[in-house]
C-alpha cells in the first residue's frame, strides 16, 4: 500500500509539467514520458509501472479520460490526437498508436521514411486484453472487449468482442434480444 502513496506523490510532482492531471490519480514509475505538456489525464486515472507515454510533436496529444486503469508496461505513442475513453481498463503489455511508418521506398530504411498519422480512438468502458496491439487508424466504439494478444486495426461498432491477429468481431450485444450473440467477422449476427 505504501507504494501507491509514492505513486500519488509522483503524479503530483509531474503535474506542473503535464497538460492536465485530474483528481485521485497515481502513476507508477514510468520508463519514459515524452512531451509532457501534450498529455492530458482525467480524474481517477491509475497507471502502473513501466509505462512509456510519448507525444512526438506539439500538434499531437494523448488524452486519458476519467476512471482509466492501466496495467504494467503500456506503450502509448501519438503523432496526432489519441483518445482513450472513460472507464476503460487496459491490461499489461499493451501497445496503442496512431502512427504508421511509410515503407514504399524500397532503397530506403523504414525508419528514414515519413510517418503516416491516422486517427485512433478507444471508446468508453472498453477492456483491452493482455498483450494487445491497437494499430493506427483504429476506432473502437463503447464497451468493446479486445482479446489477449489481438492485433486490432479498423473501425468497430459499440458492444463488440474482438479477437485474433488480425482481429475480427466474434460477438456483439444485440440491443433487441438484450443478449450477447455470436457474429460473423463483419459483426452481422449469426442465427443459432
N, C-alpha and C. Protein backbone atom coordinates (compact mmCIF):
# COMPACT_ATOMS: atom_id res chain seq x y z
N UNK A 1 0.82 -1.21 0.00
CA UNK A 1 0.00 0.00 0.00
C UNK A 1 0.86 1.27 0.00
N UNK A 2 2.02 1.22 0.68
CA UNK A 2 2.89 2.39 0.74
C UNK A 2 3.35 2.82 -0.66
N UNK A 3 3.54 1.82 -1.55
CA UNK A 3 4.00 2.16 -2.90
C UNK A 3 2.96 3.01 -3.64
N UNK A 4 1.67 2.80 -3.37
CA UNK A 4 0.65 3.61 -4.04
C UNK A 4 0.68 5.06 -3.54
N UNK A 5 1.04 5.26 -2.30
CA UNK A 5 1.20 6.62 -1.79
C UNK A 5 2.33 7.32 -2.54
N UNK A 6 3.42 6.58 -2.77
CA UNK A 6 4.54 7.13 -3.55
C UNK A 6 4.08 7.45 -4.97
N UNK A 7 3.24 6.59 -5.55
CA UNK A 7 2.74 6.81 -6.91
C UNK A 7 1.86 8.06 -6.97
N UNK A 8 1.06 8.30 -5.92
CA UNK A 8 0.23 9.52 -5.86
C UNK A 8 1.13 10.75 -5.79
N UNK A 9 2.16 10.68 -4.96
CA UNK A 9 3.10 11.81 -4.85
C UNK A 9 3.76 12.07 -6.20
N UNK A 10 4.16 10.99 -6.90
CA UNK A 10 4.84 11.13 -8.19
C UNK A 10 3.96 11.89 -9.19
N UNK A 11 2.68 11.53 -9.28
CA UNK A 11 1.83 12.20 -10.27
C UNK A 11 1.69 13.69 -9.94
N UNK A 12 1.70 14.05 -8.67
CA UNK A 12 1.59 15.47 -8.31
C UNK A 12 2.91 16.21 -8.50
N UNK A 13 4.04 15.49 -8.46
CA UNK A 13 5.32 16.11 -8.82
C UNK A 13 5.35 16.41 -10.31
N UNK A 14 4.79 15.50 -11.12
CA UNK A 14 4.75 15.68 -12.57
C UNK A 14 3.68 16.68 -13.02
N UNK A 15 2.70 16.93 -12.17
CA UNK A 15 1.53 17.73 -12.54
C UNK A 15 1.86 19.07 -13.21
N UNK A 16 2.82 19.85 -12.70
CA UNK A 16 3.10 21.14 -13.36
C UNK A 16 3.63 21.00 -14.80
N UNK A 17 4.14 19.83 -15.12
CA UNK A 17 4.75 19.62 -16.44
C UNK A 17 3.76 19.02 -17.44
N UNK A 18 2.71 18.37 -16.95
CA UNK A 18 1.72 17.74 -17.82
C UNK A 18 0.67 18.76 -18.27
N UNK A 19 0.00 18.47 -19.40
CA UNK A 19 -1.05 19.35 -19.89
C UNK A 19 -2.19 19.47 -18.90
N UNK A 20 -2.57 18.34 -18.28
CA UNK A 20 -3.64 18.32 -17.28
C UNK A 20 -3.51 17.05 -16.46
N UNK A 21 -3.79 17.14 -15.17
CA UNK A 21 -3.91 15.98 -14.30
C UNK A 21 -5.12 16.20 -13.41
N UNK A 22 -6.05 15.24 -13.44
CA UNK A 22 -7.25 15.33 -12.63
C UNK A 22 -7.00 14.89 -11.19
N UNK A 23 -8.10 14.71 -10.46
CA UNK A 23 -8.04 14.31 -9.05
C UNK A 23 -7.88 12.79 -8.92
N UNK A 24 -7.34 12.37 -7.80
CA UNK A 24 -7.27 10.96 -7.40
C UNK A 24 -6.56 10.08 -8.44
N UNK A 25 -5.42 10.54 -8.94
CA UNK A 25 -4.64 9.77 -9.92
C UNK A 25 -3.38 9.24 -9.26
N UNK A 26 -2.83 8.19 -9.85
CA UNK A 26 -1.48 7.79 -9.47
C UNK A 26 -0.73 7.25 -10.66
N UNK A 27 0.60 7.27 -10.54
CA UNK A 27 1.49 6.89 -11.62
C UNK A 27 2.66 6.11 -11.06
N UNK A 28 2.73 4.82 -11.41
CA UNK A 28 3.91 4.03 -11.06
C UNK A 28 5.10 4.54 -11.84
N UNK A 29 6.30 4.15 -11.44
CA UNK A 29 7.49 4.66 -12.09
C UNK A 29 7.45 4.39 -13.60
N UNK A 30 7.42 5.46 -14.41
CA UNK A 30 7.37 5.26 -15.86
C UNK A 30 8.75 4.92 -16.42
N UNK A 31 8.76 4.33 -17.60
CA UNK A 31 10.01 4.12 -18.32
C UNK A 31 10.39 5.42 -19.01
N UNK A 32 9.38 6.09 -19.60
CA UNK A 32 9.63 7.31 -20.36
C UNK A 32 8.32 8.07 -20.53
N UNK A 33 8.39 9.39 -20.43
CA UNK A 33 7.27 10.26 -20.78
C UNK A 33 7.84 11.34 -21.68
N UNK A 34 7.29 11.44 -22.90
CA UNK A 34 7.79 12.41 -23.85
C UNK A 34 6.77 13.48 -24.18
N UNK A 35 7.19 14.75 -24.16
CA UNK A 35 6.35 15.90 -24.45
C UNK A 35 5.21 16.02 -23.43
N UNK A 36 5.58 16.16 -22.18
CA UNK A 36 4.66 16.21 -21.04
C UNK A 36 3.44 17.09 -21.28
N UNK A 37 3.65 18.30 -21.81
CA UNK A 37 2.57 19.29 -21.93
C UNK A 37 1.45 18.85 -22.86
N UNK A 38 1.67 17.83 -23.68
CA UNK A 38 0.66 17.36 -24.63
C UNK A 38 -0.04 16.09 -24.12
N UNK A 39 0.10 15.80 -22.82
CA UNK A 39 -0.54 14.64 -22.21
C UNK A 39 -1.57 15.15 -21.20
N UNK A 40 -2.82 14.69 -21.37
CA UNK A 40 -3.94 15.17 -20.56
C UNK A 40 -4.57 13.99 -19.84
N UNK A 41 -4.57 14.06 -18.51
CA UNK A 41 -5.04 12.94 -17.68
C UNK A 41 -6.25 13.39 -16.87
N UNK A 42 -7.36 12.65 -17.00
CA UNK A 42 -8.59 12.96 -16.28
C UNK A 42 -8.53 12.52 -14.82
N UNK A 43 -9.69 12.52 -14.17
CA UNK A 43 -9.80 12.11 -12.76
C UNK A 43 -9.71 10.59 -12.63
N UNK A 44 -9.14 10.16 -11.50
CA UNK A 44 -9.11 8.75 -11.12
C UNK A 44 -8.46 7.85 -12.19
N UNK A 45 -7.34 8.31 -12.73
CA UNK A 45 -6.57 7.53 -13.70
C UNK A 45 -5.42 6.85 -12.94
N UNK A 46 -5.33 5.54 -13.12
CA UNK A 46 -4.34 4.75 -12.40
C UNK A 46 -3.41 4.08 -13.41
N UNK A 47 -2.13 4.43 -13.34
CA UNK A 47 -1.14 3.91 -14.28
C UNK A 47 -0.08 3.15 -13.49
N UNK A 48 0.05 1.87 -13.77
CA UNK A 48 1.03 1.04 -13.07
C UNK A 48 2.42 1.23 -13.69
N UNK A 49 3.48 0.71 -13.06
CA UNK A 49 4.86 0.96 -13.50
C UNK A 49 5.16 0.48 -14.92
N UNK A 50 6.20 1.07 -15.49
CA UNK A 50 6.74 0.65 -16.77
C UNK A 50 6.08 1.28 -17.98
N UNK A 51 5.27 2.31 -17.79
CA UNK A 51 4.58 2.95 -18.93
C UNK A 51 5.57 3.78 -19.75
N UNK A 52 5.38 3.73 -21.05
CA UNK A 52 6.09 4.61 -21.99
C UNK A 52 5.01 5.39 -22.72
N UNK A 53 4.93 6.68 -22.43
CA UNK A 53 3.87 7.53 -22.98
C UNK A 53 4.56 8.67 -23.70
N UNK A 54 4.39 8.71 -25.04
CA UNK A 54 5.13 9.72 -25.78
C UNK A 54 4.28 10.38 -26.87
N UNK A 55 4.43 11.69 -26.94
CA UNK A 55 3.79 12.50 -27.96
C UNK A 55 4.96 13.08 -28.76
N UNK A 56 4.95 12.83 -30.09
CA UNK A 56 6.17 13.13 -30.85
C UNK A 56 6.27 14.55 -31.39
N UNK A 57 5.19 15.33 -31.34
CA UNK A 57 5.29 16.73 -31.79
C UNK A 57 4.27 17.58 -31.06
N UNK A 58 4.37 18.88 -31.23
CA UNK A 58 3.49 19.81 -30.50
C UNK A 58 2.10 19.93 -31.08
N UNK A 59 1.82 19.29 -32.21
CA UNK A 59 0.47 19.27 -32.78
C UNK A 59 -0.29 18.03 -32.36
N UNK A 60 0.32 17.18 -31.57
CA UNK A 60 -0.24 15.89 -31.17
C UNK A 60 -0.62 15.92 -29.70
N UNK A 61 -1.42 14.91 -29.31
CA UNK A 61 -1.79 14.82 -27.89
C UNK A 61 -2.23 13.40 -27.55
N UNK A 62 -2.18 13.12 -26.26
CA UNK A 62 -2.77 11.90 -25.70
C UNK A 62 -3.71 12.36 -24.60
N UNK A 63 -4.96 11.90 -24.67
CA UNK A 63 -5.95 12.21 -23.64
C UNK A 63 -6.42 10.92 -23.00
N UNK A 64 -6.24 10.82 -21.69
CA UNK A 64 -6.76 9.72 -20.90
C UNK A 64 -7.94 10.29 -20.12
N UNK A 65 -9.15 9.91 -20.51
CA UNK A 65 -10.33 10.44 -19.85
C UNK A 65 -10.47 9.86 -18.44
N UNK A 66 -11.55 10.16 -17.74
CA UNK A 66 -11.73 9.78 -16.34
C UNK A 66 -11.83 8.26 -16.13
N UNK A 67 -11.39 7.85 -14.94
CA UNK A 67 -11.56 6.49 -14.43
C UNK A 67 -10.97 5.42 -15.36
N UNK A 68 -9.71 5.58 -15.67
CA UNK A 68 -9.00 4.61 -16.51
C UNK A 68 -7.99 3.88 -15.65
N UNK A 69 -7.91 2.57 -15.85
CA UNK A 69 -6.93 1.74 -15.15
C UNK A 69 -6.00 1.12 -16.18
N UNK A 70 -4.69 1.33 -16.00
CA UNK A 70 -3.69 0.85 -16.94
C UNK A 70 -2.68 -0.02 -16.20
N UNK A 71 -2.53 -1.27 -16.64
CA UNK A 71 -1.59 -2.19 -16.01
C UNK A 71 -0.16 -1.91 -16.47
N UNK A 72 0.77 -2.75 -16.04
CA UNK A 72 2.20 -2.56 -16.29
C UNK A 72 2.55 -2.57 -17.78
N UNK A 73 3.58 -1.81 -18.09
CA UNK A 73 4.25 -1.82 -19.39
C UNK A 73 3.38 -1.43 -20.58
N UNK A 74 2.57 -0.43 -20.40
CA UNK A 74 1.82 0.16 -21.51
C UNK A 74 2.77 0.97 -22.38
N UNK A 75 2.56 0.95 -23.70
CA UNK A 75 3.29 1.85 -24.59
C UNK A 75 2.26 2.60 -25.43
N UNK A 76 2.18 3.91 -25.21
CA UNK A 76 1.32 4.80 -25.99
C UNK A 76 2.20 5.75 -26.77
N UNK A 77 1.97 5.86 -28.08
CA UNK A 77 2.73 6.83 -28.87
C UNK A 77 1.77 7.54 -29.81
N UNK A 78 1.86 8.87 -29.83
CA UNK A 78 0.92 9.66 -30.62
C UNK A 78 1.66 10.68 -31.50
N UNK A 79 1.23 10.72 -32.75
CA UNK A 79 1.69 11.74 -33.68
C UNK A 79 0.51 12.57 -34.16
N UNK A 80 -0.65 12.37 -33.54
CA UNK A 80 -1.89 13.09 -33.85
C UNK A 80 -2.67 13.20 -32.55
N UNK A 81 -3.97 12.98 -32.64
CA UNK A 81 -4.82 13.04 -31.46
C UNK A 81 -5.20 11.61 -31.08
N UNK A 82 -4.78 11.16 -29.90
CA UNK A 82 -5.08 9.82 -29.43
C UNK A 82 -5.91 9.95 -28.15
N UNK A 83 -7.11 9.35 -28.15
CA UNK A 83 -8.03 9.48 -27.02
C UNK A 83 -8.39 8.09 -26.50
N UNK A 84 -8.30 7.94 -25.18
CA UNK A 84 -8.77 6.72 -24.52
C UNK A 84 -9.96 7.12 -23.66
N UNK A 85 -11.12 6.54 -23.96
CA UNK A 85 -12.37 6.91 -23.32
C UNK A 85 -12.48 6.52 -21.86
N UNK A 86 -13.37 7.19 -21.17
CA UNK A 86 -13.54 6.98 -19.73
C UNK A 86 -13.95 5.55 -19.41
N UNK A 87 -13.63 5.15 -18.19
CA UNK A 87 -13.98 3.83 -17.63
C UNK A 87 -13.36 2.66 -18.40
N UNK A 88 -12.24 2.90 -19.06
CA UNK A 88 -11.56 1.86 -19.82
C UNK A 88 -10.49 1.20 -18.97
N UNK A 89 -10.34 -0.11 -19.16
CA UNK A 89 -9.30 -0.89 -18.48
C UNK A 89 -8.35 -1.44 -19.52
N UNK A 90 -7.06 -1.22 -19.29
CA UNK A 90 -6.03 -1.69 -20.21
C UNK A 90 -5.11 -2.64 -19.46
N UNK A 91 -5.02 -3.88 -19.94
CA UNK A 91 -4.17 -4.88 -19.31
C UNK A 91 -2.70 -4.59 -19.58
N UNK A 92 -1.82 -5.45 -19.05
CA UNK A 92 -0.38 -5.27 -19.18
C UNK A 92 0.11 -5.53 -20.60
N UNK A 93 1.27 -4.94 -20.91
CA UNK A 93 1.99 -5.16 -22.17
C UNK A 93 1.18 -4.78 -23.41
N UNK A 94 0.42 -3.71 -23.33
CA UNK A 94 -0.41 -3.26 -24.45
C UNK A 94 0.30 -2.12 -25.17
N UNK A 95 0.15 -2.10 -26.51
CA UNK A 95 0.71 -1.04 -27.35
C UNK A 95 -0.43 -0.38 -28.11
N UNK A 96 -0.51 0.96 -28.03
CA UNK A 96 -1.55 1.72 -28.74
C UNK A 96 -0.86 2.88 -29.46
N UNK A 97 -1.19 3.06 -30.75
CA UNK A 97 -0.55 4.12 -31.53
C UNK A 97 -1.51 4.70 -32.57
N UNK A 98 -1.16 5.87 -33.06
CA UNK A 98 -1.85 6.45 -34.22
C UNK A 98 -0.84 6.77 -35.32
N UNK A 99 0.29 6.08 -35.30
CA UNK A 99 1.37 6.31 -36.26
C UNK A 99 1.70 5.02 -37.00
N UNK A 100 1.87 5.14 -38.31
CA UNK A 100 2.42 4.06 -39.14
C UNK A 100 3.68 4.58 -39.80
N UNK A 101 4.57 3.67 -40.16
CA UNK A 101 5.76 4.05 -40.93
C UNK A 101 5.50 3.81 -42.41
N UNK A 102 5.87 4.76 -43.24
CA UNK A 102 5.84 4.56 -44.68
C UNK A 102 6.89 3.51 -45.04
N UNK A 103 6.66 2.75 -46.10
CA UNK A 103 7.61 1.70 -46.48
C UNK A 103 7.76 1.59 -48.00
N UNK A 104 7.20 2.52 -48.75
CA UNK A 104 7.15 2.42 -50.21
C UNK A 104 8.51 2.52 -50.90
N UNK A 105 9.43 3.28 -50.32
CA UNK A 105 10.75 3.45 -50.94
C UNK A 105 11.64 2.26 -50.56
N UNK A 106 11.80 1.32 -51.49
CA UNK A 106 12.49 0.07 -51.15
C UNK A 106 13.99 0.22 -50.97
N UNK A 107 14.57 1.31 -51.43
CA UNK A 107 16.01 1.51 -51.25
C UNK A 107 16.33 2.37 -50.02
N UNK A 108 15.31 2.60 -49.19
CA UNK A 108 15.46 3.45 -48.01
C UNK A 108 14.96 2.70 -46.78
N UNK A 109 15.73 2.77 -45.69
CA UNK A 109 15.32 2.12 -44.44
C UNK A 109 13.98 2.69 -43.98
N UNK A 110 13.12 1.83 -43.43
CA UNK A 110 11.78 2.25 -43.00
C UNK A 110 11.83 3.42 -42.01
N UNK A 111 12.79 3.40 -41.10
CA UNK A 111 12.87 4.47 -40.10
C UNK A 111 13.30 5.81 -40.69
N UNK A 112 13.79 5.80 -41.92
CA UNK A 112 14.17 7.04 -42.60
C UNK A 112 13.05 7.56 -43.49
N UNK A 113 11.97 6.82 -43.60
CA UNK A 113 10.83 7.24 -44.42
C UNK A 113 9.84 8.02 -43.54
N UNK A 114 8.90 8.70 -44.18
CA UNK A 114 7.97 9.55 -43.44
C UNK A 114 6.99 8.73 -42.60
N UNK A 115 6.41 9.41 -41.63
CA UNK A 115 5.40 8.81 -40.77
C UNK A 115 4.01 9.11 -41.34
N UNK A 116 3.08 8.20 -41.11
CA UNK A 116 1.69 8.36 -41.53
C UNK A 116 0.85 8.43 -40.26
N UNK A 117 0.04 9.47 -40.12
CA UNK A 117 -0.79 9.64 -38.93
C UNK A 117 -2.24 9.28 -39.26
N UNK A 118 -2.84 8.46 -38.41
CA UNK A 118 -4.24 8.06 -38.58
C UNK A 118 -4.94 8.17 -37.23
N UNK A 119 -6.17 8.68 -37.26
CA UNK A 119 -6.92 8.83 -36.01
C UNK A 119 -7.10 7.48 -35.32
N UNK A 120 -6.84 7.48 -34.02
CA UNK A 120 -7.03 6.29 -33.20
C UNK A 120 -7.80 6.72 -31.96
N UNK A 121 -8.88 5.99 -31.66
CA UNK A 121 -9.71 6.34 -30.50
C UNK A 121 -10.26 5.08 -29.87
N UNK A 122 -10.14 5.01 -28.55
CA UNK A 122 -10.70 3.91 -27.77
C UNK A 122 -11.95 4.46 -27.10
N UNK A 123 -13.10 3.84 -27.34
CA UNK A 123 -14.36 4.31 -26.77
C UNK A 123 -14.43 4.10 -25.26
N UNK A 124 -15.49 4.61 -24.67
CA UNK A 124 -15.66 4.48 -23.22
C UNK A 124 -16.00 3.04 -22.82
N UNK A 125 -15.60 2.69 -21.60
CA UNK A 125 -15.93 1.41 -20.99
C UNK A 125 -15.40 0.20 -21.77
N UNK A 126 -14.25 0.38 -22.42
CA UNK A 126 -13.63 -0.73 -23.15
C UNK A 126 -12.70 -1.52 -22.25
N UNK A 127 -12.42 -2.75 -22.65
CA UNK A 127 -11.43 -3.59 -21.96
C UNK A 127 -10.44 -4.07 -23.01
N UNK A 128 -9.16 -3.76 -22.80
CA UNK A 128 -8.10 -4.16 -23.73
C UNK A 128 -7.31 -5.28 -23.05
N UNK A 129 -7.33 -6.48 -23.64
CA UNK A 129 -6.68 -7.64 -23.04
C UNK A 129 -5.16 -7.61 -23.11
N UNK A 130 -4.56 -8.47 -22.33
CA UNK A 130 -3.11 -8.58 -22.19
C UNK A 130 -2.42 -8.72 -23.55
N UNK A 131 -1.38 -7.91 -23.77
CA UNK A 131 -0.55 -8.03 -24.95
C UNK A 131 -1.17 -7.56 -26.25
N UNK A 132 -2.31 -6.89 -26.19
CA UNK A 132 -2.98 -6.43 -27.42
C UNK A 132 -2.20 -5.29 -28.07
N UNK A 133 -2.33 -5.20 -29.38
CA UNK A 133 -1.75 -4.11 -30.16
C UNK A 133 -2.91 -3.40 -30.86
N UNK A 134 -3.06 -2.12 -30.57
CA UNK A 134 -4.08 -1.29 -31.22
C UNK A 134 -3.34 -0.42 -32.22
N UNK A 135 -3.51 -0.69 -33.50
CA UNK A 135 -2.75 -0.02 -34.54
C UNK A 135 -3.39 1.30 -34.97
N UNK A 136 -2.59 2.08 -35.67
CA UNK A 136 -3.04 3.39 -36.18
C UNK A 136 -4.29 3.22 -37.03
N UNK A 137 -5.25 4.13 -36.84
CA UNK A 137 -6.48 4.10 -37.61
C UNK A 137 -7.58 3.27 -36.99
N UNK A 138 -7.40 2.84 -35.76
CA UNK A 138 -8.41 2.02 -35.08
C UNK A 138 -9.37 2.92 -34.31
N UNK A 139 -10.66 2.69 -34.53
CA UNK A 139 -11.71 3.39 -33.79
C UNK A 139 -12.56 2.32 -33.12
N UNK A 140 -12.55 2.29 -31.79
CA UNK A 140 -13.37 1.34 -31.04
C UNK A 140 -14.57 2.07 -30.48
N UNK A 141 -15.76 1.48 -30.65
CA UNK A 141 -16.97 2.03 -30.05
C UNK A 141 -16.99 1.82 -28.55
N UNK A 142 -18.14 2.08 -27.93
CA UNK A 142 -18.30 1.88 -26.49
C UNK A 142 -18.27 0.39 -26.15
N UNK A 143 -17.73 0.11 -24.99
CA UNK A 143 -17.75 -1.21 -24.37
C UNK A 143 -17.29 -2.33 -25.31
N UNK A 144 -16.21 -2.09 -26.02
CA UNK A 144 -15.59 -3.14 -26.82
C UNK A 144 -14.63 -3.93 -25.95
N UNK A 145 -14.59 -5.22 -26.16
CA UNK A 145 -13.70 -6.12 -25.43
C UNK A 145 -12.67 -6.62 -26.44
N UNK A 146 -11.39 -6.39 -26.15
CA UNK A 146 -10.32 -6.84 -27.04
C UNK A 146 -9.63 -8.03 -26.37
N UNK A 147 -9.58 -9.16 -27.06
CA UNK A 147 -8.96 -10.37 -26.53
C UNK A 147 -7.45 -10.23 -26.37
N UNK A 148 -6.88 -11.06 -25.50
CA UNK A 148 -5.43 -11.06 -25.27
C UNK A 148 -4.69 -11.32 -26.57
N UNK A 149 -3.58 -10.62 -26.74
CA UNK A 149 -2.67 -10.76 -27.89
C UNK A 149 -3.32 -10.47 -29.24
N UNK A 150 -4.43 -9.77 -29.26
CA UNK A 150 -5.07 -9.42 -30.52
C UNK A 150 -4.32 -8.27 -31.19
N UNK A 151 -4.36 -8.24 -32.52
CA UNK A 151 -3.77 -7.16 -33.31
C UNK A 151 -4.94 -6.48 -34.02
N UNK A 152 -5.26 -5.26 -33.58
CA UNK A 152 -6.50 -4.60 -33.97
C UNK A 152 -6.23 -3.41 -34.88
N UNK A 153 -6.94 -3.38 -36.03
CA UNK A 153 -6.93 -2.22 -36.92
C UNK A 153 -8.29 -2.16 -37.60
N UNK A 154 -8.88 -0.97 -37.61
CA UNK A 154 -10.17 -0.79 -38.27
C UNK A 154 -11.15 -0.07 -37.38
N UNK A 155 -12.37 0.02 -37.86
CA UNK A 155 -13.45 0.68 -37.11
C UNK A 155 -14.41 -0.39 -36.63
N UNK A 156 -14.74 -0.36 -35.34
CA UNK A 156 -15.58 -1.37 -34.72
C UNK A 156 -16.73 -0.68 -33.98
N UNK A 157 -17.97 -1.18 -34.15
CA UNK A 157 -19.12 -0.55 -33.50
C UNK A 157 -19.13 -0.80 -31.99
N UNK A 158 -20.08 -0.18 -31.32
CA UNK A 158 -20.26 -0.37 -29.88
C UNK A 158 -20.54 -1.84 -29.55
N UNK A 159 -20.18 -2.23 -28.34
CA UNK A 159 -20.55 -3.53 -27.76
C UNK A 159 -20.08 -4.73 -28.59
N UNK A 160 -18.78 -4.78 -28.88
CA UNK A 160 -18.22 -5.89 -29.66
C UNK A 160 -17.18 -6.64 -28.83
N UNK A 161 -17.05 -7.93 -29.10
CA UNK A 161 -15.93 -8.73 -28.63
C UNK A 161 -15.06 -8.95 -29.86
N UNK A 162 -13.80 -8.53 -29.77
CA UNK A 162 -12.89 -8.52 -30.91
C UNK A 162 -11.66 -9.33 -30.54
N UNK A 163 -11.31 -10.35 -31.34
CA UNK A 163 -10.19 -11.21 -31.01
C UNK A 163 -9.40 -11.59 -32.26
N UNK A 164 -8.15 -11.99 -32.06
CA UNK A 164 -7.35 -12.56 -33.12
C UNK A 164 -6.30 -11.63 -33.69
N UNK A 165 -5.54 -12.20 -34.64
CA UNK A 165 -4.49 -11.46 -35.34
C UNK A 165 -4.52 -11.87 -36.80
N UNK A 166 -5.12 -11.10 -37.68
CA UNK A 166 -5.77 -9.81 -37.42
C UNK A 166 -7.09 -10.00 -36.67
N UNK A 167 -7.44 -9.01 -35.87
CA UNK A 167 -8.62 -9.09 -35.02
C UNK A 167 -9.91 -8.98 -35.83
N UNK A 168 -10.88 -9.76 -35.39
CA UNK A 168 -12.22 -9.76 -36.01
C UNK A 168 -13.28 -9.79 -34.90
N UNK A 169 -14.46 -9.30 -35.23
CA UNK A 169 -15.58 -9.35 -34.29
C UNK A 169 -16.07 -10.80 -34.20
N UNK A 170 -16.27 -11.30 -32.97
CA UNK A 170 -16.83 -12.64 -32.79
C UNK A 170 -18.17 -12.61 -32.06
N UNK A 171 -18.45 -11.52 -31.35
CA UNK A 171 -19.72 -11.35 -30.65
C UNK A 171 -20.07 -9.88 -30.60
N UNK A 172 -21.39 -9.63 -30.52
CA UNK A 172 -21.89 -8.28 -30.30
C UNK A 172 -23.09 -8.35 -29.38
N UNK A 173 -23.32 -7.27 -28.68
CA UNK A 173 -24.52 -7.18 -27.85
C UNK A 173 -25.68 -6.81 -28.75
N UNK A 174 -26.72 -7.64 -28.71
CA UNK A 174 -27.92 -7.39 -29.51
C UNK A 174 -28.89 -6.59 -28.64
N UNK A 175 -29.14 -5.35 -29.01
CA UNK A 175 -30.00 -4.48 -28.20
C UNK A 175 -31.47 -4.90 -28.26
N UNK A 176 -31.84 -5.69 -29.28
CA UNK A 176 -33.21 -6.18 -29.38
C UNK A 176 -33.45 -7.33 -28.42
N UNK A 177 -32.57 -8.35 -28.47
CA UNK A 177 -32.72 -9.53 -27.61
C UNK A 177 -32.13 -9.32 -26.22
N UNK A 178 -31.38 -8.24 -26.03
CA UNK A 178 -30.71 -7.92 -24.76
C UNK A 178 -29.74 -9.03 -24.35
N UNK A 179 -29.00 -9.56 -25.32
CA UNK A 179 -28.04 -10.64 -25.06
C UNK A 179 -26.84 -10.49 -25.99
N UNK A 180 -25.71 -11.05 -25.56
CA UNK A 180 -24.53 -11.12 -26.41
C UNK A 180 -24.72 -12.27 -27.38
N UNK A 181 -24.51 -12.01 -28.68
CA UNK A 181 -24.71 -13.02 -29.70
C UNK A 181 -23.48 -13.17 -30.57
N UNK A 182 -23.25 -14.40 -31.06
CA UNK A 182 -22.16 -14.64 -31.99
C UNK A 182 -22.44 -13.90 -33.29
N UNK A 183 -21.34 -13.50 -33.95
CA UNK A 183 -21.45 -12.79 -35.22
C UNK A 183 -20.47 -13.39 -36.23
N UNK A 184 -20.65 -13.00 -37.49
CA UNK A 184 -19.60 -13.29 -38.46
C UNK A 184 -18.50 -12.23 -38.26
N UNK A 185 -17.43 -12.31 -39.04
CA UNK A 185 -16.28 -11.42 -38.84
C UNK A 185 -16.59 -9.96 -39.14
N UNK A 186 -17.70 -9.70 -39.82
CA UNK A 186 -18.10 -8.30 -40.10
C UNK A 186 -19.05 -7.75 -39.03
N UNK A 187 -19.43 -8.59 -38.05
CA UNK A 187 -20.29 -8.14 -36.97
C UNK A 187 -21.76 -8.41 -37.20
N UNK A 188 -22.12 -9.14 -38.26
CA UNK A 188 -23.51 -9.49 -38.51
C UNK A 188 -23.91 -10.68 -37.62
N UNK A 189 -25.05 -10.60 -36.98
CA UNK A 189 -25.48 -11.67 -36.07
C UNK A 189 -25.68 -12.98 -36.82
N UNK A 190 -25.28 -14.06 -36.17
CA UNK A 190 -25.49 -15.41 -36.71
C UNK A 190 -26.66 -16.02 -35.97
N UNK A 191 -27.67 -16.47 -36.69
CA UNK A 191 -28.83 -17.11 -36.06
C UNK A 191 -28.45 -18.54 -35.71
N UNK A 192 -28.63 -18.89 -34.45
CA UNK A 192 -28.28 -20.24 -34.00
C UNK A 192 -29.52 -21.07 -33.80
